[in-house]
């Protein structure tokens, strides 16, 4: 019985010491009454001022900003902008599954909405 208790204790200790699985960061969503052009202008100006890489791919109902593929980018992102009539919905997500967001990009989005 003493051996069972020791084995159980060791098993619990090993499980507690094991690294936790990386939980993917869920996309952040925002909404704004600004037009795609107004929001985009603010976002691009902020990215340019900070010397951050960015690209934009337009669509008929908005577009997507990203820094994915740019040289030296540590935290690539996708920022989708959807024109929903009187509001624009924004979805910020890391370009790599499970990767962290760049907090600076989320802050700029928050300032521009």
PDB file of N, CA and C in Angstrom:
ATOM      1  N   UNK A   1       0.830  -1.191   0.000  1.00  0.00           N
ATOM      2  CA  UNK A   1       0.000   0.000   0.000  1.00  0.00           C
ATOM      3  C   UNK A   1       0.873   1.252   0.000  1.00  0.00           C
ATOM      4  N   UNK A   2       1.994   1.187   0.717  1.00  0.00           N
ATOM      5  CA  UNK A   2       2.907   2.318   0.777  1.00  0.00           C
ATOM      6  C   UNK A   2       3.471   2.619  -0.612  1.00  0.00           C
ATOM      7  N   UNK A   3       3.751   1.563  -1.407  1.00  0.00           N
ATOM      8  CA  UNK A   3       4.293   1.753  -2.751  1.00  0.00           C
ATOM      9  C   UNK A   3       3.272   2.425  -3.671  1.00  0.00           C
ATOM     10  N   UNK A   4       2.012   2.073  -3.529  1.00  0.00           N
ATOM     11  CA  UNK A   4       0.961   2.690  -4.345  1.00  0.00           C
ATOM     12  C   UNK A   4       0.882   4.184  -4.037  1.00  0.00           C
ATOM     13  N   UNK A   5       0.988   4.543  -2.772  1.00  0.00           N
ATOM     14  CA  UNK A   5       0.953   5.952  -2.372  1.00  0.00           C
ATOM     15  C   UNK A   5       2.131   6.718  -2.940  1.00  0.00           C
ATOM     16  N   UNK A   6       3.318   6.112  -2.939  1.00  0.00           N
ATOM     17  CA  UNK A   6       4.512   6.770  -3.473  1.00  0.00           C
ATOM     18  C   UNK A   6       4.386   6.949  -4.984  1.00  0.00           C
ATOM     19  N   UNK A   7       3.927   5.924  -5.688  1.00  0.00           N
ATOM     20  CA  UNK A   7       3.741   6.013  -7.141  1.00  0.00           C
ATOM     21  C   UNK A   7       2.714   7.090  -7.476  1.00  0.00           C
ATOM     22  N   UNK A   8       1.632   7.148  -6.719  1.00  0.00           N
ATOM     23  CA  UNK A   8       0.607   8.163  -6.946  1.00  0.00           C
ATOM     24  C   UNK A   8       1.182   9.556  -6.722  1.00  0.00           C
ATOM     25  N   UNK A   9       1.946   9.728  -5.664  1.00  0.00           N
ATOM     26  CA  UNK A   9       2.558  11.016  -5.347  1.00  0.00           C
ATOM     27  C   UNK A   9       3.511  11.444  -6.455  1.00  0.00           C
ATOM     28  N   UNK A  10       4.318  10.528  -6.957  1.00  0.00           N
ATOM     29  CA  UNK A  10       5.255  10.845  -8.038  1.00  0.00           C
ATOM     30  C   UNK A  10       4.490  11.204  -9.311  1.00  0.00           C
ATOM     31  N   UNK A  11       3.424  10.483  -9.605  1.00  0.00           N
ATOM     32  CA  UNK A  11       2.624  10.758 -10.807  1.00  0.00           C
ATOM     33  C   UNK A  11       1.989  12.140 -10.750  1.00  0.00           C
ATOM     34  N   UNK A  12       1.453  12.493  -9.594  1.00  0.00           N
ATOM     35  CA  UNK A  12       0.839  13.817  -9.430  1.00  0.00           C
ATOM     36  C   UNK A  12       1.897  14.902  -9.576  1.00  0.00           C
ATOM     37  N   UNK A  13       3.059  14.698  -8.990  1.00  0.00           N
ATOM     38  CA  UNK A  13       4.145  15.676  -9.093  1.00  0.00           C
ATOM     39  C   UNK A  13       4.617  15.844 -10.525  1.00  0.00           C
ATOM     40  N   UNK A  14       4.737  14.746 -11.261  1.00  0.00           N
ATOM     41  CA  UNK A  14       5.172  14.815 -12.659  1.00  0.00           C
ATOM     42  C   UNK A  14       4.142  15.541 -13.518  1.00  0.00           C
ATOM     43  N   UNK A  15       2.877  15.296 -13.274  1.00  0.00           N
ATOM     44  CA  UNK A  15       1.822  15.966 -14.040  1.00  0.00           C
ATOM     45  C   UNK A  15       1.808  17.465 -13.756  1.00  0.00           C
ATOM     46  N   UNK A  16       2.051  17.840 -12.521  1.00  0.00           N
ATOM     47  CA  UNK A  16       2.060  19.260 -12.159  1.00  0.00           C
ATOM     48  C   UNK A  16       3.269  19.971 -12.750  1.00  0.00           C
ATOM     49  N   UNK A  17       4.388  19.269 -12.892  1.00  0.00           N
ATOM     50  CA  UNK A  17       5.607  19.877 -13.410  1.00  0.00           C
ATOM     51  C   UNK A  17       5.633  19.936 -14.931  1.00  0.00           C
ATOM     52  N   UNK A  18       4.794  19.173 -15.601  1.00  0.00           N
ATOM     53  CA  UNK A  18       4.780  19.148 -17.065  1.00  0.00           C
ATOM     54  C   UNK A  18       4.281  20.487 -17.599  1.00  0.00           C
ATOM     55  N   UNK A  19       4.849  20.942 -18.714  1.00  0.00           N
ATOM     56  CA  UNK A  19       4.383  22.210 -19.276  1.00  0.00           C
ATOM     57  C   UNK A  19       2.941  22.099 -19.752  1.00  0.00           C
ATOM     58  N   UNK A  20       2.211  23.168 -19.547  1.00  0.00           N
ATOM     59  CA  UNK A  20       0.807  23.198 -19.983  1.00  0.00           C
ATOM     60  C   UNK A  20       0.762  23.320 -21.498  1.00  0.00           C
ATOM     61  N   UNK A  21      -0.212  22.726 -22.135  1.00  0.00           N
ATOM     62  CA  UNK A  21      -0.320  22.875 -23.587  1.00  0.00           C
ATOM     63  C   UNK A  21      -0.609  24.324 -23.940  1.00  0.00           C
ATOM     64  N   UNK A  22      -0.078  24.763 -25.054  1.00  0.00           N
ATOM     65  CA  UNK A  22      -0.262  26.141 -25.488  1.00  0.00           C
ATOM     66  C   UNK A  22      -1.683  26.311 -26.013  1.00  0.00           C
ATOM     67  N   UNK A  23      -2.404  27.219 -25.411  1.00  0.00           N
ATOM     68  CA  UNK A  23      -3.789  27.475 -25.814  1.00  0.00           C
ATOM     69  C   UNK A  23      -3.772  28.535 -26.912  1.00  0.00           C
ATOM     70  N   UNK A  24      -4.359  28.253 -28.057  1.00  0.00           N
ATOM     71  CA  UNK A  24      -4.383  29.246 -29.115  1.00  0.00           C
ATOM     72  C   UNK A  24      -5.119  30.505 -28.662  1.00  0.00           C
ATOM     73  N   UNK A  25      -4.589  31.657 -29.065  1.00  0.00           N
ATOM     74  CA  UNK A  25      -5.225  32.915 -28.714  1.00  0.00           C
ATOM     75  C   UNK A  25      -6.408  33.124 -29.653  1.00  0.00           C
ATOM     76  N   UNK A  26      -7.550  33.412 -29.085  1.00  0.00           N
ATOM     77  CA  UNK A  26      -8.735  33.618 -29.906  1.00  0.00           C
ATOM     78  C   UNK A  26      -8.662  34.989 -30.565  1.00  0.00           C
ATOM     79  N   UNK A  27      -9.230  35.120 -31.742  1.00  0.00           N
ATOM     80  CA  UNK A  27      -9.222  36.412 -32.421  1.00  0.00           C
ATOM     81  C   UNK A  27      -9.949  37.477 -31.602  1.00  0.00           C
ATOM     82  N   UNK A  28      -9.473  38.701 -31.711  1.00  0.00           N
ATOM     83  CA  UNK A  28     -10.121  39.836 -31.052  1.00  0.00           C
ATOM     84  C   UNK A  28     -11.053  40.485 -32.064  1.00  0.00           C
ATOM     85  N   UNK A  29     -12.233  40.859 -31.628  1.00  0.00           N
ATOM     86  CA  UNK A  29     -13.186  41.515 -32.520  1.00  0.00           C
ATOM     87  C   UNK A  29     -13.484  42.922 -32.018  1.00  0.00           C
ATOM     88  N   UNK A  30     -13.695  43.817 -32.963  1.00  0.00           N
ATOM     89  CA  UNK A  30     -13.973  45.220 -32.674  1.00  0.00           C
ATOM     90  C   UNK A  30     -15.077  45.675 -33.624  1.00  0.00           C
ATOM     91  N   UNK A  31     -15.665  46.818 -33.330  1.00  0.00           N
ATOM     92  CA  UNK A  31     -16.644  47.432 -34.230  1.00  0.00           C
ATOM     93  C   UNK A  31     -16.416  48.934 -34.224  1.00  0.00           C
ATOM     94  N   UNK A  32     -16.674  49.569 -35.359  1.00  0.00           N
ATOM     95  CA  UNK A  32     -16.529  51.013 -35.461  1.00  0.00           C
ATOM     96  C   UNK A  32     -17.566  51.570 -36.430  1.00  0.00           C
ATOM     97  N   UNK A  33     -17.941  52.815 -36.202  1.00  0.00           N
ATOM     98  CA  UNK A  33     -18.844  53.505 -37.121  1.00  0.00           C
ATOM     99  C   UNK A  33     -18.053  54.211 -38.218  1.00  0.00           C
ATOM    100  N   UNK A  34     -16.713  54.267 -38.083  1.00  0.00           N
ATOM    101  CA  UNK A  34     -15.875  54.903 -39.100  1.00  0.00           C
ATOM    102  C   UNK A  34     -15.941  54.100 -40.394  1.00  0.00           C
ATOM    103  N   UNK A  35     -15.783  54.804 -41.504  1.00  0.00           N
ATOM    104  CA  UNK A  35     -15.751  54.117 -42.796  1.00  0.00           C
ATOM    105  C   UNK A  35     -14.463  53.299 -42.902  1.00  0.00           C
ATOM    106  N   UNK A  36     -14.426  52.404 -43.864  1.00  0.00           N
ATOM    107  CA  UNK A  36     -13.214  51.613 -44.096  1.00  0.00           C
ATOM    108  C   UNK A  36     -12.045  52.554 -44.374  1.00  0.00           C
ATOM    109  N   UNK A  37     -12.284  53.607 -45.152  1.00  0.00           N
ATOM    110  CA  UNK A  37     -11.230  54.563 -45.491  1.00  0.00           C
ATOM    111  C   UNK A  37     -10.751  55.322 -44.255  1.00  0.00           C
ATOM    112  N   UNK A  38     -11.677  55.757 -43.390  1.00  0.00           N
ATOM    113  CA  UNK A  38     -11.288  56.486 -42.177  1.00  0.00           C
ATOM    114  C   UNK A  38     -10.486  55.595 -41.238  1.00  0.00           C
ATOM    115  N   UNK A  39     -10.986  54.402 -40.971  1.00  0.00           N
ATOM    116  CA  UNK A  39     -10.263  53.490 -40.096  1.00  0.00           C
ATOM    117  C   UNK A  39      -8.916  53.129 -40.717  1.00  0.00           C
ATOM    118  N   UNK A  40      -8.926  52.778 -42.000  1.00  0.00           N
ATOM    119  CA  UNK A  40      -7.695  52.385 -42.682  1.00  0.00           C
ATOM    120  C   UNK A  40      -6.654  53.488 -42.675  1.00  0.00           C
ATOM    121  N   UNK A  41      -7.087  54.727 -42.888  1.00  0.00           N
ATOM    122  CA  UNK A  41      -6.150  55.854 -42.858  1.00  0.00           C
ATOM    123  C   UNK A  41      -5.485  56.002 -41.503  1.00  0.00           C
ATOM    124  N   UNK A  42      -6.271  55.897 -40.450  1.00  0.00           N
ATOM    125  CA  UNK A  42      -5.736  55.982 -39.085  1.00  0.00           C
ATOM    126  C   UNK A  42      -4.760  54.840 -38.820  1.00  0.00           C
ATOM    127  N   UNK A  43      -5.153  53.622 -39.184  1.00  0.00           N
ATOM    128  CA  UNK A  43      -4.322  52.442 -38.933  1.00  0.00           C
ATOM    129  C   UNK A  43      -3.003  52.528 -39.702  1.00  0.00           C
ATOM    130  N   UNK A  44      -3.073  52.887 -40.980  1.00  0.00           N
ATOM    131  CA  UNK A  44      -1.873  52.986 -41.815  1.00  0.00           C
ATOM    132  C   UNK A  44      -0.947  54.083 -41.300  1.00  0.00           C
ATOM    133  N   UNK A  45      -1.504  55.241 -40.932  1.00  0.00           N
ATOM    134  CA  UNK A  45      -0.679  56.326 -40.384  1.00  0.00           C
ATOM    135  C   UNK A  45       0.067  55.869 -39.136  1.00  0.00           C
ATOM    136  N   UNK A  46      -0.625  55.171 -38.248  1.00  0.00           N
ATOM    137  CA  UNK A  46       0.009  54.687 -37.013  1.00  0.00           C
ATOM    138  C   UNK A  46       1.097  53.661 -37.321  1.00  0.00           C
ATOM    139  N   UNK A  47       0.841  52.759 -38.260  1.00  0.00           N
ATOM    140  CA  UNK A  47       1.845  51.757 -38.631  1.00  0.00           C
ATOM    141  C   UNK A  47       3.060  52.436 -39.264  1.00  0.00           C
ATOM    142  N   UNK A  48       2.827  53.428 -40.120  1.00  0.00           N
ATOM    143  CA  UNK A  48       3.935  54.154 -40.747  1.00  0.00           C
ATOM    144  C   UNK A  48       4.760  54.923 -39.720  1.00  0.00           C
ATOM    145  N   UNK A  49       4.081  55.588 -38.776  1.00  0.00           N
ATOM    146  CA  UNK A  49       4.801  56.345 -37.740  1.00  0.00           C
ATOM    147  C   UNK A  49       5.699  55.440 -36.902  1.00  0.00           C
ATOM    148  N   UNK A  50       5.257  54.219 -36.652  1.00  0.00           N
ATOM    149  CA  UNK A  50       6.053  53.305 -35.828  1.00  0.00           C
ATOM    150  C   UNK A  50       7.060  52.502 -36.651  1.00  0.00           C
ATOM    151  N   UNK A  51       7.057  52.700 -37.968  1.00  0.00           N
ATOM    152  CA  UNK A  51       7.983  51.967 -38.822  1.00  0.00           C
ATOM    153  C   UNK A  51       7.623  50.498 -38.968  1.00  0.00           C
ATOM    154  N   UNK A  52       6.349  50.173 -38.765  1.00  0.00           N
ATOM    155  CA  UNK A  52       5.893  48.782 -38.845  1.00  0.00           C
ATOM    156  C   UNK A  52       5.478  48.423 -40.270  1.00  0.00           C
ATOM    157  N   UNK A  53       5.767  47.191 -40.641  1.00  0.00           N
ATOM    158  CA  UNK A  53       5.377  46.705 -41.966  1.00  0.00           C
ATOM    159  C   UNK A  53       3.871  46.485 -42.013  1.00  0.00           C
ATOM    160  N   UNK A  54       3.267  46.725 -43.173  1.00  0.00           N
ATOM    161  CA  UNK A  54       1.850  46.449 -43.338  1.00  0.00           C
ATOM    162  C   UNK A  54       1.546  46.295 -44.826  1.00  0.00           C
ATOM    163  N   UNK A  55       0.472  45.618 -45.115  1.00  0.00           N
ATOM    164  CA  UNK A  55      -0.056  45.524 -46.472  1.00  0.00           C
ATOM    165  C   UNK A  55      -1.575  45.541 -46.354  1.00  0.00           C
ATOM    166  N   UNK A  56      -2.237  45.813 -47.463  1.00  0.00           N
ATOM    167  CA  UNK A  56      -3.697  45.844 -47.469  1.00  0.00           C
ATOM    168  C   UNK A  56      -4.194  45.190 -48.750  1.00  0.00           C
ATOM    169  N   UNK A  57      -5.124  44.281 -48.607  1.00  0.00           N
ATOM    170  CA  UNK A  57      -5.770  43.633 -49.749  1.00  0.00           C
ATOM    171  C   UNK A  57      -7.248  44.011 -49.696  1.00  0.00           C
ATOM    172  N   UNK A  58      -7.699  44.869 -50.632  1.00  0.00           N
ATOM    173  CA  UNK A  58      -9.107  45.295 -50.605  1.00  0.00           C
ATOM    174  C   UNK A  58     -10.048  44.202 -51.103  1.00  0.00           C
ATOM    175  N   UNK A  59     -11.277  44.275 -50.606  1.00  0.00           N
ATOM    176  CA  UNK A  59     -12.381  43.424 -51.063  1.00  0.00           C
ATOM    177  C   UNK A  59     -13.589  44.330 -51.264  1.00  0.00           C
ATOM    178  N   UNK A  60     -14.615  43.808 -51.865  1.00  0.00           N
ATOM    179  CA  UNK A  60     -15.813  44.619 -52.105  1.00  0.00           C
ATOM    180  C   UNK A  60     -16.507  45.013 -50.806  1.00  0.00           C
ATOM    181  N   UNK A  61     -16.335  44.215 -49.744  1.00  0.00           N
ATOM    182  CA  UNK A  61     -16.993  44.512 -48.465  1.00  0.00           C
ATOM    183  C   UNK A  61     -15.988  44.852 -47.362  1.00  0.00           C
ATOM    184  N   UNK A  62     -14.836  45.412 -47.719  1.00  0.00           N
ATOM    185  CA  UNK A  62     -13.822  45.780 -46.724  1.00  0.00           C
ATOM    186  C   UNK A  62     -12.436  45.456 -47.225  1.00  0.00           C
ATOM    187  N   UNK A  63     -11.694  44.665 -46.450  1.00  0.00           N
ATOM    188  CA  UNK A  63     -10.342  44.300 -46.844  1.00  0.00           C
ATOM    189  C   UNK A  63      -9.585  43.706 -45.677  1.00  0.00           C
ATOM    190  N   UNK A  64      -8.320  43.354 -45.920  1.00  0.00           N
ATOM    191  CA  UNK A  64      -7.491  42.746 -44.882  1.00  0.00           C
ATOM    192  C   UNK A  64      -6.136  43.432 -44.822  1.00  0.00           C
ATOM    193  N   UNK A  65      -5.769  43.871 -43.623  1.00  0.00           N
ATOM    194  CA  UNK A  65      -4.431  44.378 -43.346  1.00  0.00           C
ATOM    195  C   UNK A  65      -3.607  43.222 -42.800  1.00  0.00           C
ATOM    196  N   UNK A  66      -2.306  43.239 -43.078  1.00  0.00           N
ATOM    197  CA  UNK A  66      -1.443  42.185 -42.559  1.00  0.00           C
ATOM    198  C   UNK A  66       0.012  42.628 -42.611  1.00  0.00           C
ATOM    199  N   UNK A  67       0.827  41.991 -41.791  1.00  0.00           N
ATOM    200  CA  UNK A  67       2.275  42.146 -41.889  1.00  0.00           C
ATOM    201  C   UNK A  67       2.927  40.787 -42.134  1.00  0.00           C
ATOM    202  N   UNK A  68       2.112  39.788 -42.441  1.00  0.00           N
ATOM    203  CA  UNK A  68       2.618  38.433 -42.673  1.00  0.00           C
ATOM    204  C   UNK A  68       3.548  38.433 -43.883  1.00  0.00           C
ATOM    205  N   UNK A  69       4.686  37.796 -43.735  1.00  0.00           N
ATOM    206  CA  UNK A  69       5.653  37.689 -44.814  1.00  0.00           C
ATOM    207  C   UNK A  69       6.679  38.800 -44.854  1.00  0.00           C
ATOM    208  N   UNK A  70       6.477  39.858 -44.076  1.00  0.00           N
ATOM    209  CA  UNK A  70       7.450  40.948 -44.056  1.00  0.00           C
ATOM    210  C   UNK A  70       8.696  40.515 -43.283  1.00  0.00           C
ATOM    211  N   UNK A  71       9.834  40.976 -43.735  1.00  0.00           N
ATOM    212  CA  UNK A  71      11.096  40.601 -43.107  1.00  0.00           C
ATOM    213  C   UNK A  71      11.193  41.172 -41.690  1.00  0.00           C
ATOM    214  N   UNK A  72      11.619  40.331 -40.755  1.00  0.00           N
ATOM    215  CA  UNK A  72      11.858  40.767 -39.384  1.00  0.00           C
ATOM    216  C   UNK A  72      10.626  40.871 -38.505  1.00  0.00           C
ATOM    217  N   UNK A  73       9.490  40.402 -38.966  1.00  0.00           N
ATOM    218  CA  UNK A  73       8.252  40.483 -38.181  1.00  0.00           C
ATOM    219  C   UNK A  73       8.203  39.322 -37.195  1.00  0.00           C
ATOM    220  N   UNK A  74       8.089  39.650 -35.908  1.00  0.00           N
ATOM    221  CA  UNK A  74       8.058  38.612 -34.868  1.00  0.00           C
ATOM    222  C   UNK A  74       6.657  38.047 -34.655  1.00  0.00           C
ATOM    223  N   UNK A  75       5.636  38.876 -34.793  1.00  0.00           N
ATOM    224  CA  UNK A  75       4.256  38.456 -34.528  1.00  0.00           C
ATOM    225  C   UNK A  75       3.362  38.846 -35.705  1.00  0.00           C
ATOM    226  N   UNK A  76       3.337  38.045 -36.771  1.00  0.00           N
ATOM    227  CA  UNK A  76       2.484  38.396 -37.909  1.00  0.00           C
ATOM    228  C   UNK A  76       0.998  38.318 -37.551  1.00  0.00           C
ATOM    229  N   UNK A  77       0.211  39.186 -38.176  1.00  0.00           N
ATOM    230  CA  UNK A  77      -1.218  39.266 -37.877  1.00  0.00           C
ATOM    231  C   UNK A  77      -2.023  39.407 -39.159  1.00  0.00           C
ATOM    232  N   UNK A  78      -3.316  39.164 -39.033  1.00  0.00           N
ATOM    233  CA  UNK A  78      -4.308  39.494 -40.053  1.00  0.00           C
ATOM    234  C   UNK A  78      -5.373  40.338 -39.370  1.00  0.00           C
ATOM    235  N   UNK A  79      -5.715  41.452 -39.982  1.00  0.00           N
ATOM    236  CA  UNK A  79      -6.776  42.319 -39.479  1.00  0.00           C
ATOM    237  C   UNK A  79      -7.807  42.469 -40.593  1.00  0.00           C
ATOM    238  N   UNK A  80      -8.892  41.735 -40.480  1.00  0.00           N
ATOM    239  CA  UNK A  80      -9.953  41.775 -41.484  1.00  0.00           C
ATOM    240  C   UNK A  80     -10.955  42.864 -41.120  1.00  0.00           C
ATOM    241  N   UNK A  81     -11.340  43.649 -42.118  1.00  0.00           N
ATOM    242  CA  UNK A  81     -12.325  44.718 -41.944  1.00  0.00           C
ATOM    243  C   UNK A  81     -13.522  44.370 -42.823  1.00  0.00           C
ATOM    244  N   UNK A  82     -14.689  44.259 -42.195  1.00  0.00           N
ATOM    245  CA  UNK A  82     -15.923  43.913 -42.907  1.00  0.00           C
ATOM    246  C   UNK A  82     -16.874  45.092 -42.852  1.00  0.00           C
ATOM    247  N   UNK A  83     -17.298  45.579 -44.014  1.00  0.00           N
ATOM    248  CA  UNK A  83     -18.260  46.675 -44.077  1.00  0.00           C
ATOM    249  C   UNK A  83     -19.655  46.091 -43.922  1.00  0.00           C
ATOM    250  N   UNK A  84     -20.327  46.467 -42.835  1.00  0.00           N
ATOM    251  CA  UNK A  84     -21.663  45.940 -42.533  1.00  0.00           C
ATOM    252  C   UNK A  84     -22.707  47.056 -42.548  1.00  0.00           C
ATOM    253  N   UNK A  85     -22.623  47.921 -43.541  1.00  0.00           N
ATOM    254  CA  UNK A  85     -23.593  49.010 -43.639  1.00  0.00           C
ATOM    255  C   UNK A  85     -23.216  50.165 -42.736  1.00  0.00           C
ATOM    256  N   UNK A  86     -23.917  50.313 -41.606  1.00  0.00           N
ATOM    257  CA  UNK A  86     -23.654  51.443 -40.712  1.00  0.00           C
ATOM    258  C   UNK A  86     -22.457  51.209 -39.790  1.00  0.00           C
ATOM    259  N   UNK A  87     -21.940  49.997 -39.733  1.00  0.00           N
ATOM    260  CA  UNK A  87     -20.763  49.707 -38.898  1.00  0.00           C
ATOM    261  C   UNK A  87     -19.747  48.873 -39.674  1.00  0.00           C
ATOM    262  N   UNK A  88     -18.524  48.916 -39.200  1.00  0.00           N
ATOM    263  CA  UNK A  88     -17.466  48.060 -39.713  1.00  0.00           C
ATOM    264  C   UNK A  88     -17.081  47.112 -38.595  1.00  0.00           C
ATOM    265  N   UNK A  89     -17.003  45.837 -38.911  1.00  0.00           N
ATOM    266  CA  UNK A  89     -16.539  44.841 -37.942  1.00  0.00           C
ATOM    267  C   UNK A  89     -15.087  44.523 -38.268  1.00  0.00           C
ATOM    268  N   UNK A  90     -14.279  44.413 -37.230  1.00  0.00           N
ATOM    269  CA  UNK A  90     -12.862  44.118 -37.395  1.00  0.00           C
ATOM    270  C   UNK A  90     -12.529  42.850 -36.629  1.00  0.00           C
ATOM    271  N   UNK A  91     -11.649  42.052 -37.215  1.00  0.00           N
ATOM    272  CA  UNK A  91     -11.237  40.798 -36.579  1.00  0.00           C
ATOM    273  C   UNK A  91      -9.717  40.730 -36.659  1.00  0.00           C
ATOM    274  N   UNK A  92      -9.070  40.789 -35.504  1.00  0.00           N
ATOM    275  CA  UNK A  92      -7.612  40.727 -35.413  1.00  0.00           C
ATOM    276  C   UNK A  92      -7.214  39.349 -34.932  1.00  0.00           C
ATOM    277  N   UNK A  93      -6.346  38.690 -35.691  1.00  0.00           N
ATOM    278  CA  UNK A  93      -5.880  37.368 -35.277  1.00  0.00           C
ATOM    279  C   UNK A  93      -4.425  37.181 -35.670  1.00  0.00           C
ATOM    280  N   UNK A  94      -3.745  36.353 -34.904  1.00  0.00           N
ATOM    281  CA  UNK A  94      -2.362  36.009 -35.205  1.00  0.00           C
ATOM    282  C   UNK A  94      -2.331  35.201 -36.495  1.00  0.00           C
ATOM    283  N   UNK A  95      -1.300  35.417 -37.313  1.00  0.00           N
ATOM    284  CA  UNK A  95      -1.197  34.703 -38.586  1.00  0.00           C
ATOM    285  C   UNK A  95      -0.837  33.240 -38.389  1.00  0.00           C
ATOM    286  N   UNK A  96      -0.217  32.916 -37.262  1.00  0.00           N
ATOM    287  CA  UNK A  96       0.156  31.530 -36.963  1.00  0.00           C
ATOM    288  C   UNK A  96      -0.715  31.010 -35.829  1.00  0.00           C
ATOM    289  N   UNK A  97      -1.251  29.825 -35.983  1.00  0.00           N
ATOM    290  CA  UNK A  97      -2.098  29.225 -34.957  1.00  0.00           C
ATOM    291  C   UNK A  97      -1.339  29.116 -33.643  1.00  0.00           C
ATOM    292  N   UNK A  98      -1.945  29.612 -32.585  1.00  0.00           N
ATOM    293  CA  UNK A  98      -1.354  29.527 -31.258  1.00  0.00           C
ATOM    294  C   UNK A  98      -0.340  30.605 -30.951  1.00  0.00           C
ATOM    295  N   UNK A  99      -0.028  31.450 -31.923  1.00  0.00           N
ATOM    296  CA  UNK A  99       0.950  32.515 -31.691  1.00  0.00           C
ATOM    297  C   UNK A  99       0.288  33.675 -30.946  1.00  0.00           C
ATOM    298  N   UNK A 100       1.069  34.417 -30.174  1.00  0.00           N
ATOM    299  CA  UNK A 100       0.498  35.565 -29.462  1.00  0.00           C
ATOM    300  C   UNK A 100       0.279  36.754 -30.395  1.00  0.00           C
ATOM    301  N   UNK A 101      -0.651  37.607 -30.013  1.00  0.00           N
ATOM    302  CA  UNK A 101      -0.852  38.862 -30.735  1.00  0.00           C
ATOM    303  C   UNK A 101       0.291  39.806 -30.406  1.00  0.00           C
ATOM    304  N   UNK A 102       0.530  40.735 -31.303  1.00  0.00           N
ATOM    305  CA  UNK A 102       1.401  41.859 -30.996  1.00  0.00           C
ATOM    306  C   UNK A 102       0.500  42.895 -30.324  1.00  0.00           C
ATOM    307  N   UNK A 103       0.727  43.144 -29.057  1.00  0.00           N
ATOM    308  CA  UNK A 103      -0.132  44.056 -28.291  1.00  0.00           C
ATOM    309  C   UNK A 103      -0.159  45.452 -28.898  1.00  0.00           C
ATOM    310  N   UNK A 104       0.916  45.841 -29.583  1.00  0.00           N
ATOM    311  CA  UNK A 104       0.953  47.177 -30.199  1.00  0.00           C
ATOM    312  C   UNK A 104      -0.085  47.299 -31.308  1.00  0.00           C
ATOM    313  N   UNK A 105      -0.291  46.238 -32.067  1.00  0.00           N
ATOM    314  CA  UNK A 105      -1.287  46.275 -33.147  1.00  0.00           C
ATOM    315  C   UNK A 105      -2.690  46.378 -32.559  1.00  0.00           C
ATOM    316  N   UNK A 106      -2.964  45.602 -31.523  1.00  0.00           N
ATOM    317  CA  UNK A 106      -4.277  45.669 -30.867  1.00  0.00           C
ATOM    318  C   UNK A 106      -4.522  47.065 -30.303  1.00  0.00           C
ATOM    319  N   UNK A 107      -3.483  47.696 -29.775  1.00  0.00           N
ATOM    320  CA  UNK A 107      -3.617  49.048 -29.219  1.00  0.00           C
ATOM    321  C   UNK A 107      -3.939  50.054 -30.327  1.00  0.00           C
ATOM    322  N   UNK A 108      -3.272  49.930 -31.471  1.00  0.00           N
ATOM    323  CA  UNK A 108      -3.543  50.829 -32.596  1.00  0.00           C
ATOM    324  C   UNK A 108      -4.973  50.647 -33.091  1.00  0.00           C
ATOM    325  N   UNK A 109      -5.420  49.404 -33.214  1.00  0.00           N
ATOM    326  CA  UNK A 109      -6.798  49.147 -33.641  1.00  0.00           C
ATOM    327  C   UNK A 109      -7.761  49.819 -32.670  1.00  0.00           C
ATOM    328  N   UNK A 110      -7.517  49.640 -31.385  1.00  0.00           N
ATOM    329  CA  UNK A 110      -8.386  50.228 -30.370  1.00  0.00           C
ATOM    330  C   UNK A 110      -8.399  51.754 -30.462  1.00  0.00           C
ATOM    331  N   UNK A 111      -7.253  52.363 -30.750  1.00  0.00           N
ATOM    332  CA  UNK A 111      -7.180  53.821 -30.861  1.00  0.00           C
ATOM    333  C   UNK A 111      -7.872  54.336 -32.124  1.00  0.00           C
ATOM    334  N   UNK A 112      -7.875  53.529 -33.175  1.00  0.00           N
ATOM    335  CA  UNK A 112      -8.430  53.976 -34.460  1.00  0.00           C
ATOM    336  C   UNK A 112      -9.929  53.727 -34.610  1.00  0.00           C
ATOM    337  N   UNK A 113     -10.503  52.899 -33.750  1.00  0.00           N
ATOM    338  CA  UNK A 113     -11.937  52.651 -33.884  1.00  0.00           C
ATOM    339  C   UNK A 113     -12.660  53.808 -33.285  1.00  0.00           C
TER     340      UNK A 113
END
